[in-house]
Amino acid sequence: MMTSIVVVVYLCAAAEPVAPQPPTNLLVEVDDAQLKDYRVLDVRPRTKYDAGHIPGAVHANVEPWSKAVVAGQADRAFWKAQLAQVGVSPRVPVVVYSDDVREAARAWWLLKFAGVPDVRLLNGGWKAYTQAQLPIQKEATTATAPPHDWQPDTARLAEKKHVLAEYKNGCVCVDARSVGEFRGEKALAQHGGRIPGAIHLEWSELLDPKTDKFLPQPKIQQLLKDRRIDLNKPQITYCQSGGRAAVVALALELAGAKNVRNYYRSWSEWGNSPDTPIDRDK
């Protein structure tokens, strides 16, 4: 009598890296019914705010915030005073908008750096809001909040020393500037060019040119894949002075990246420093 032995072999394919999960609270649409419940900050110039703004929106001048970060003076005491003046508290989500997505993204990044837990960008900004023919208010809205001991999220900021140390160790540097700046054909500093190994992704590629809204998440993810930007690796974004880099930083987070730094001084520092390596097209 013969005994049959059946051997079952299980073939296990190597597990693929788990794709990062995109967050759901970075963008707000202009017709969102909850918009009235958020602290809305208008970061356009004051003259434009006075000419008309979203009802209940508070004007916020982010220039002092930006200068403080560049100067290394944006500490807990700074944010405690500044954010109380525009009604920002840790309990209410903040929505920022402008007529220039670079400035809205800059404000978004500065607030996240300050430690504000829930900051969102109005998708399409003032252009989308007015095209939707939604109500406009001319009277200024003022708001204050109890001073809060904010804890700046320093992991969001890259300084020159970080870039020098990390670009050789697998950290992806993403250049948000124009092609001409990236290649070194257009110089806005003493030296033109790019950080060695940087990947070019111009900020405007992440937007729908007709609406100024961010591309849908799948399209952003595909664009990043095409540029070989690995969302599972740390990234440092840069431009000339932090604004365009903030657009790309926001897009990376929309795609699911978890470790994104903005080299806020960007090329205004790197391109004027005597000790920074630079690549350029010949």
Foldseek 3Di string as FASTA:
>chain_A
DDDDDDDDDDDDDDDDDDFFDFDDQAEDELPPPCPVQAAEEEAEPPVVLLVKDDPNHAYADCVVLLVCVVVVNLAQVNCLVRVQFSADDLPGAYEYAYQDQLRRLLVQLSVVQQANDHYYYHFLGPQNNVVVVDDIDNDHHTGGDRRDRTHGPCLQADEPVNCVPPVVPQAEEEEQEDPCQQQQVDDPEQGGHDAPRHFYDHLCVQADVVRRGGDQLVVLLVVCVVSVNDLAHAYEYAYQAFRSSSSVQSSSSSNRRDRYYYNRNHCNPQVHDPPGDGDHHD
